[in-house]
PDB file of N, CA and C in Angstrom:
ATOM      1  N   UNK A   1    -115.238  73.142  11.861  1.00  0.00           N
ATOM      2  CA  UNK A   1    -114.189  72.539  10.843  1.00  0.00           C
ATOM      3  C   UNK A   1    -113.456  73.926  10.080  1.00  0.00           C
ATOM      4  N   UNK A   2    -112.653  74.131  10.720  1.00  0.00           N
ATOM      5  CA  UNK A   2    -111.801  75.056  10.117  1.00  0.00           C
ATOM      6  C   UNK A   2    -111.178  75.231   8.524  1.00  0.00           C
ATOM      7  N   UNK A   3    -110.488  75.500   7.594  1.00  0.00           N
ATOM      8  CA  UNK A   3    -110.314  74.479   6.240  1.00  0.00           C
ATOM      9  C   UNK A   3    -109.403  76.190   6.186  1.00  0.00           C
ATOM     10  N   UNK A   4    -107.897  75.649   5.090  1.00  0.00           N
ATOM     11  CA  UNK A   4    -107.039  76.418   4.306  1.00  0.00           C
ATOM     12  C   UNK A   4    -107.470  76.512   2.799  1.00  0.00           C
ATOM     13  N   UNK A   5    -108.690  76.592   2.558  1.00  0.00           N
ATOM     14  CA  UNK A   5    -108.506  75.889   0.743  1.00  0.00           C
ATOM     15  C   UNK A   5    -108.814  77.010   0.147  1.00  0.00           C
ATOM     16  N   UNK A   6    -108.754  78.440   0.551  1.00  0.00           N
ATOM     17  CA  UNK A   6    -108.968  79.408   0.046  1.00  0.00           C
ATOM     18  C   UNK A   6    -107.227  80.452   0.190  1.00  0.00           C
ATOM     19  N   UNK A   7    -106.730  79.893   1.348  1.00  0.00           N
ATOM     20  CA  UNK A   7    -105.537  80.378   1.456  1.00  0.00           C
ATOM     21  C   UNK A   7    -104.482  79.737   0.509  1.00  0.00           C
ATOM     22  N   UNK A   8    -104.838  77.713   0.083  1.00  0.00           N
ATOM     23  CA  UNK A   8    -104.088  77.093  -1.132  1.00  0.00           C
ATOM     24  C   UNK A   8    -104.462  77.524  -2.768  1.00  0.00           C
ATOM     25  N   UNK A   9    -105.333  77.943  -2.699  1.00  0.00           N
ATOM     26  CA  UNK A   9    -106.230  78.453  -3.646  1.00  0.00           C
ATOM     27  C   UNK A   9    -105.351  79.779  -4.196  1.00  0.00           C
ATOM     28  N   UNK A  10    -105.470  80.550  -3.187  1.00  0.00           N
ATOM     29  CA  UNK A  10    -104.271  81.329  -3.961  1.00  0.00           C
ATOM     30  C   UNK A  10    -102.517  81.338  -3.669  1.00  0.00           C
ATOM     31  N   UNK A  11    -101.782  80.459  -2.982  1.00  0.00           N
ATOM     32  CA  UNK A  11    -100.381  80.152  -3.576  1.00  0.00           C
ATOM     33  C   UNK A  11    -101.160  79.324  -4.989  1.00  0.00           C
ATOM     34  N   UNK A  12    -101.499  78.336  -5.376  1.00  0.00           N
ATOM     35  CA  UNK A  12    -101.566  77.936  -6.908  1.00  0.00           C
ATOM     36  C   UNK A  12    -102.649  78.412  -7.611  1.00  0.00           C
ATOM     37  N   UNK A  13    -102.554  80.106  -6.972  1.00  0.00           N
ATOM     38  CA  UNK A  13    -103.625  80.859  -8.595  1.00  0.00           C
ATOM     39  C   UNK A  13    -104.925  79.947  -8.989  1.00  0.00           C
ATOM     40  N   UNK A  14    -105.641  79.578  -8.146  1.00  0.00           N
ATOM     41  CA  UNK A  14    -106.964  79.031  -9.216  1.00  0.00           C
ATOM     42  C   UNK A  14    -107.592  79.443  -8.281  1.00  0.00           C
ATOM     43  N   UNK A  15    -108.952  80.116  -8.965  1.00  0.00           N
ATOM     44  CA  UNK A  15    -109.942  80.477  -9.133  1.00  0.00           C
ATOM     45  C   UNK A  15    -110.901  78.879  -7.984  1.00  0.00           C
ATOM     46  N   UNK A  16    -112.619  80.223  -7.448  1.00  0.00           N
ATOM     47  CA  UNK A  16    -113.182  78.922  -7.386  1.00  0.00           C
ATOM     48  C   UNK A  16    -113.641  78.188  -8.379  1.00  0.00           C
ATOM     49  N   UNK A  17    -113.038  78.275  -9.913  1.00  0.00           N
ATOM     50  CA  UNK A  17    -113.718  77.526 -10.699  1.00  0.00           C
ATOM     51  C   UNK A  17    -113.410  76.979 -11.478  1.00  0.00           C
ATOM     52  N   UNK A  18    -111.938  77.309 -11.325  1.00  0.00           N
ATOM     53  CA  UNK A  18    -110.775  76.564 -11.761  1.00  0.00           C
ATOM     54  C   UNK A  18    -110.305  75.023 -10.455  1.00  0.00           C
ATOM     55  N   UNK A  19    -110.723  75.150  -9.717  1.00  0.00           N
ATOM     56  CA  UNK A  19    -110.776  73.714  -7.975  1.00  0.00           C
ATOM     57  C   UNK A  19    -111.539  73.188  -8.685  1.00  0.00           C
ATOM     58  N   UNK A  20    -112.961  74.379  -8.543  1.00  0.00           N
ATOM     59  CA  UNK A  20    -114.486  72.673  -8.635  1.00  0.00           C
ATOM     60  C   UNK A  20    -113.795  72.559 -10.082  1.00  0.00           C
ATOM     61  N   UNK A  21    -113.428  72.618 -11.286  1.00  0.00           N
ATOM     62  CA  UNK A  21    -113.110  71.642 -12.183  1.00  0.00           C
ATOM     63  C   UNK A  21    -112.615  70.589 -12.127  1.00  0.00           C
ATOM     64  N   UNK A  22    -111.432  70.833 -11.584  1.00  0.00           N
ATOM     65  CA  UNK A  22    -110.061  70.244 -11.373  1.00  0.00           C
ATOM     66  C   UNK A  22    -110.823  69.177 -10.323  1.00  0.00           C
ATOM     67  N   UNK A  23    -111.158  69.258  -9.013  1.00  0.00           N
ATOM     68  CA  UNK A  23    -112.202  67.797  -8.802  1.00  0.00           C
ATOM     69  C   UNK A  23    -113.305  67.677  -8.992  1.00  0.00           C
ATOM     70  N   UNK A  24    -114.268  68.048 -10.457  1.00  0.00           N
ATOM     71  CA  UNK A  24    -115.573  67.936 -10.337  1.00  0.00           C
ATOM     72  C   UNK A  24    -117.229  67.762  -9.294  1.00  0.00           C
ATOM     73  N   UNK A  25    -116.205  69.388  -9.190  1.00  0.00           N
ATOM     74  CA  UNK A  25    -117.760  69.789  -8.385  1.00  0.00           C
ATOM     75  C   UNK A  25    -118.235  71.260  -8.542  1.00  0.00           C
ATOM     76  N   UNK A  26    -118.453  71.171  -8.417  1.00  0.00           N
ATOM     77  CA  UNK A  26    -119.838  73.111  -8.294  1.00  0.00           C
ATOM     78  C   UNK A  26    -118.790  74.597  -8.468  1.00  0.00           C
ATOM     79  N   UNK A  27    -118.525  75.204  -8.537  1.00  0.00           N
ATOM     80  CA  UNK A  27    -117.684  76.394  -8.035  1.00  0.00           C
ATOM     81  C   UNK A  27    -118.387  76.585  -6.802  1.00  0.00           C
ATOM     82  N   UNK A  28    -119.325  76.331  -6.533  1.00  0.00           N
ATOM     83  CA  UNK A  28    -120.831  76.804  -5.341  1.00  0.00           C
ATOM     84  C   UNK A  28    -120.372  75.958  -4.556  1.00  0.00           C
ATOM     85  N   UNK A  29    -120.080  74.272  -4.402  1.00  0.00           N
ATOM     86  CA  UNK A  29    -119.776  74.117  -3.278  1.00  0.00           C
ATOM     87  C   UNK A  29    -118.390  74.258  -2.853  1.00  0.00           C
ATOM     88  N   UNK A  30    -117.325  74.844  -3.943  1.00  0.00           N
ATOM     89  CA  UNK A  30    -116.377  75.638  -3.387  1.00  0.00           C
ATOM     90  C   UNK A  30    -116.364  76.272  -2.072  1.00  0.00           C
ATOM     91  N   UNK A  31    -117.245  77.188  -2.265  1.00  0.00           N
ATOM     92  CA  UNK A  31    -117.387  78.733  -1.897  1.00  0.00           C
ATOM     93  C   UNK A  31    -118.082  78.596  -0.749  1.00  0.00           C
ATOM     94  N   UNK A  32    -119.297  77.342  -0.492  1.00  0.00           N
ATOM     95  CA  UNK A  32    -119.553  76.700   0.631  1.00  0.00           C
ATOM     96  C   UNK A  32    -119.038  75.776   1.239  1.00  0.00           C
ATOM     97  N   UNK A  33    -117.508  75.088   0.966  1.00  0.00           N
ATOM     98  CA  UNK A  33    -116.512  74.625   1.386  1.00  0.00           C
ATOM     99  C   UNK A  33    -115.826  75.889   2.815  1.00  0.00           C
ATOM    100  N   UNK A  34    -115.637  76.904   1.269  1.00  0.00           N
ATOM    101  CA  UNK A  34    -114.476  78.057   1.915  1.00  0.00           C
ATOM    102  C   UNK A  34    -114.776  78.895   3.383  1.00  0.00           C
ATOM    103  N   UNK A  35    -116.652  78.926   2.874  1.00  0.00           N
ATOM    104  CA  UNK A  35    -117.314  79.611   4.131  1.00  0.00           C
ATOM    105  C   UNK A  35    -117.080  78.963   5.534  1.00  0.00           C
ATOM    106  N   UNK A  36    -117.689  77.560   5.643  1.00  0.00           N
ATOM    107  CA  UNK A  36    -117.173  76.931   6.560  1.00  0.00           C
ATOM    108  C   UNK A  36    -118.999  75.855   6.667  1.00  0.00           C
ATOM    109  N   UNK A  37    -120.200  76.343   5.182  1.00  0.00           N
ATOM    110  CA  UNK A  37    -121.108  75.842   6.371  1.00  0.00           C
ATOM    111  C   UNK A  37    -121.217  74.973   5.123  1.00  0.00           C
ATOM    112  N   UNK A  38    -120.557  73.739   4.288  1.00  0.00           N
ATOM    113  CA  UNK A  38    -120.244  72.659   4.287  1.00  0.00           C
ATOM    114  C   UNK A  38    -118.989  71.831   4.230  1.00  0.00           C
ATOM    115  N   UNK A  39    -119.451  70.628   4.899  1.00  0.00           N
ATOM    116  CA  UNK A  39    -117.661  70.129   5.126  1.00  0.00           C
ATOM    117  C   UNK A  39    -117.488  68.646   4.312  1.00  0.00           C
ATOM    118  N   UNK A  40    -116.840  68.643   2.779  1.00  0.00           N
ATOM    119  CA  UNK A  40    -115.940  67.803   2.068  1.00  0.00           C
ATOM    120  C   UNK A  40    -116.285  66.482   2.970  1.00  0.00           C
ATOM    121  N   UNK A  41    -116.449  65.465   1.950  1.00  0.00           N
ATOM    122  CA  UNK A  41    -116.128  64.195   2.147  1.00  0.00           C
ATOM    123  C   UNK A  41    -114.979  63.495   2.436  1.00  0.00           C
ATOM    124  N   UNK A  42    -114.880  62.991   3.046  1.00  0.00           N
ATOM    125  CA  UNK A  42    -113.146  62.149   3.154  1.00  0.00           C
ATOM    126  C   UNK A  42    -112.360  61.886   1.296  1.00  0.00           C
ATOM    127  N   UNK A  43    -113.302  61.873   0.656  1.00  0.00           N
ATOM    128  CA  UNK A  43    -113.368  61.531  -0.470  1.00  0.00           C
ATOM    129  C   UNK A  43    -112.618  62.805  -1.128  1.00  0.00           C
ATOM    130  N   UNK A  44    -112.977  63.857  -1.013  1.00  0.00           N
ATOM    131  CA  UNK A  44    -112.992  65.098  -2.071  1.00  0.00           C
ATOM    132  C   UNK A  44    -112.225  65.966  -0.580  1.00  0.00           C
ATOM    133  N   UNK A  45    -112.129  65.846   0.898  1.00  0.00           N
ATOM    134  CA  UNK A  45    -110.546  66.209   1.104  1.00  0.00           C
ATOM    135  C   UNK A  45    -109.652  65.851   0.588  1.00  0.00           C
ATOM    136  N   UNK A  46    -109.459  63.795   0.458  1.00  0.00           N
ATOM    137  CA  UNK A  46    -107.867  64.012  -0.005  1.00  0.00           C
ATOM    138  C   UNK A  46    -108.199  64.549  -1.271  1.00  0.00           C
ATOM    139  N   UNK A  47    -109.109  64.549  -2.760  1.00  0.00           N
ATOM    140  CA  UNK A  47    -108.144  64.963  -3.407  1.00  0.00           C
ATOM    141  C   UNK A  47    -108.269  66.607  -3.720  1.00  0.00           C
ATOM    142  N   UNK A  48    -109.006  67.693  -2.814  1.00  0.00           N
ATOM    143  CA  UNK A  48    -107.755  68.287  -2.600  1.00  0.00           C
ATOM    144  C   UNK A  48    -106.525  68.579  -1.918  1.00  0.00           C
ATOM    145  N   UNK A  49    -106.190  67.963  -0.659  1.00  0.00           N
ATOM    146  CA  UNK A  49    -104.994  67.764  -0.519  1.00  0.00           C
ATOM    147  C   UNK A  49    -103.863  67.255  -1.258  1.00  0.00           C
ATOM    148  N   UNK A  50    -104.728  66.541  -2.637  1.00  0.00           N
ATOM    149  CA  UNK A  50    -103.256  65.967  -3.785  1.00  0.00           C
ATOM    150  C   UNK A  50    -102.947  66.818  -3.658  1.00  0.00           C
ATOM    151  N   UNK A  51    -104.582  67.543  -4.677  1.00  0.00           N
ATOM    152  CA  UNK A  51    -104.481  68.319  -5.446  1.00  0.00           C
ATOM    153  C   UNK A  51    -102.884  69.403  -4.951  1.00  0.00           C
ATOM    154  N   UNK A  52    -103.389  69.771  -4.102  1.00  0.00           N
ATOM    155  CA  UNK A  52    -102.180  71.176  -3.443  1.00  0.00           C
ATOM    156  C   UNK A  52    -101.116  70.673  -2.570  1.00  0.00           C
ATOM    157  N   UNK A  53    -100.989  69.083  -2.944  1.00  0.00           N
ATOM    158  CA  UNK A  53     -99.825  68.782  -2.521  1.00  0.00           C
ATOM    159  C   UNK A  53     -99.263  69.052  -0.886  1.00  0.00           C
ATOM    160  N   UNK A  54    -100.106  69.271  -0.532  1.00  0.00           N
ATOM    161  CA  UNK A  54    -100.450  68.857   1.273  1.00  0.00           C
ATOM    162  C   UNK A  54    -100.817  67.625   2.024  1.00  0.00           C
ATOM    163  N   UNK A  55    -100.832  67.545   3.268  1.00  0.00           N
ATOM    164  CA  UNK A  55    -101.339  66.987   4.473  1.00  0.00           C
ATOM    165  C   UNK A  55    -102.742  66.868   4.686  1.00  0.00           C
ATOM    166  N   UNK A  56    -103.988  65.904   4.144  1.00  0.00           N
ATOM    167  CA  UNK A  56    -104.839  66.771   4.642  1.00  0.00           C
ATOM    168  C   UNK A  56    -105.329  67.728   5.526  1.00  0.00           C
ATOM    169  N   UNK A  57    -104.665  67.323   7.002  1.00  0.00           N
ATOM    170  CA  UNK A  57    -104.611  68.115   8.866  1.00  0.00           C
ATOM    171  C   UNK A  57    -104.412  69.034   8.055  1.00  0.00           C
ATOM    172  N   UNK A  58    -103.411  69.820   6.934  1.00  0.00           N
ATOM    173  CA  UNK A  58    -102.918  71.099   6.804  1.00  0.00           C
ATOM    174  C   UNK A  58    -103.712  71.187   6.025  1.00  0.00           C
ATOM    175  N   UNK A  59    -104.877  71.356   5.390  1.00  0.00           N
ATOM    176  CA  UNK A  59    -106.190  71.371   4.966  1.00  0.00           C
ATOM    177  C   UNK A  59    -106.858  71.670   5.315  1.00  0.00           C
ATOM    178  N   UNK A  60    -107.607  70.098   6.180  1.00  0.00           N
ATOM    179  CA  UNK A  60    -108.783  71.464   7.456  1.00  0.00           C
ATOM    180  C   UNK A  60    -108.334  70.406   8.800  1.00  0.00           C
ATOM    181  N   UNK A  61    -109.119  71.694   9.471  1.00  0.00           N
ATOM    182  CA  UNK A  61    -108.927  71.540  10.456  1.00  0.00           C
ATOM    183  C   UNK A  61    -109.748  71.386  11.997  1.00  0.00           C
ATOM    184  N   UNK A  62    -109.453  70.271  12.937  1.00  0.00           N
ATOM    185  CA  UNK A  62    -111.369  69.712  13.484  1.00  0.00           C
ATOM    186  C   UNK A  62    -110.845  71.132  15.213  1.00  0.00           C
ATOM    187  N   UNK A  63    -112.447  72.101  14.944  1.00  0.00           N
ATOM    188  CA  UNK A  63    -112.724  73.339  16.363  1.00  0.00           C
ATOM    189  C   UNK A  63    -112.702  72.320  16.838  1.00  0.00           C
ATOM    190  N   UNK A  64    -112.928  73.447  18.314  1.00  0.00           N
ATOM    191  CA  UNK A  64    -113.526  72.222  19.036  1.00  0.00           C
ATOM    192  C   UNK A  64    -115.151  72.446  19.281  1.00  0.00           C
ATOM    193  N   UNK A  65    -115.934  70.718  19.052  1.00  0.00           N
ATOM    194  CA  UNK A  65    -117.205  70.881  19.371  1.00  0.00           C
ATOM    195  C   UNK A  65    -117.561  69.621  18.248  1.00  0.00           C
ATOM    196  N   UNK A  66    -116.663  69.973  17.329  1.00  0.00           N
ATOM    197  CA  UNK A  66    -117.155  69.057  16.212  1.00  0.00           C
ATOM    198  C   UNK A  66    -116.379  67.235  15.369  1.00  0.00           C
TER     199      UNK A  66
END
């Protein structure tokens, strides 16, 4: 699954640590999501989308085979 977390963080001028604190996860969790090694739960994906003010489909994109 592709994601645009890093892009949205840059738009909102947030570090990985800032984002992690806002959604109550570790910085390492943000790092592994950005690198595509971890797919967040629906609740976590919705929290991030709400925080960034974008639809969840804009933040996450299914790749062929997902």
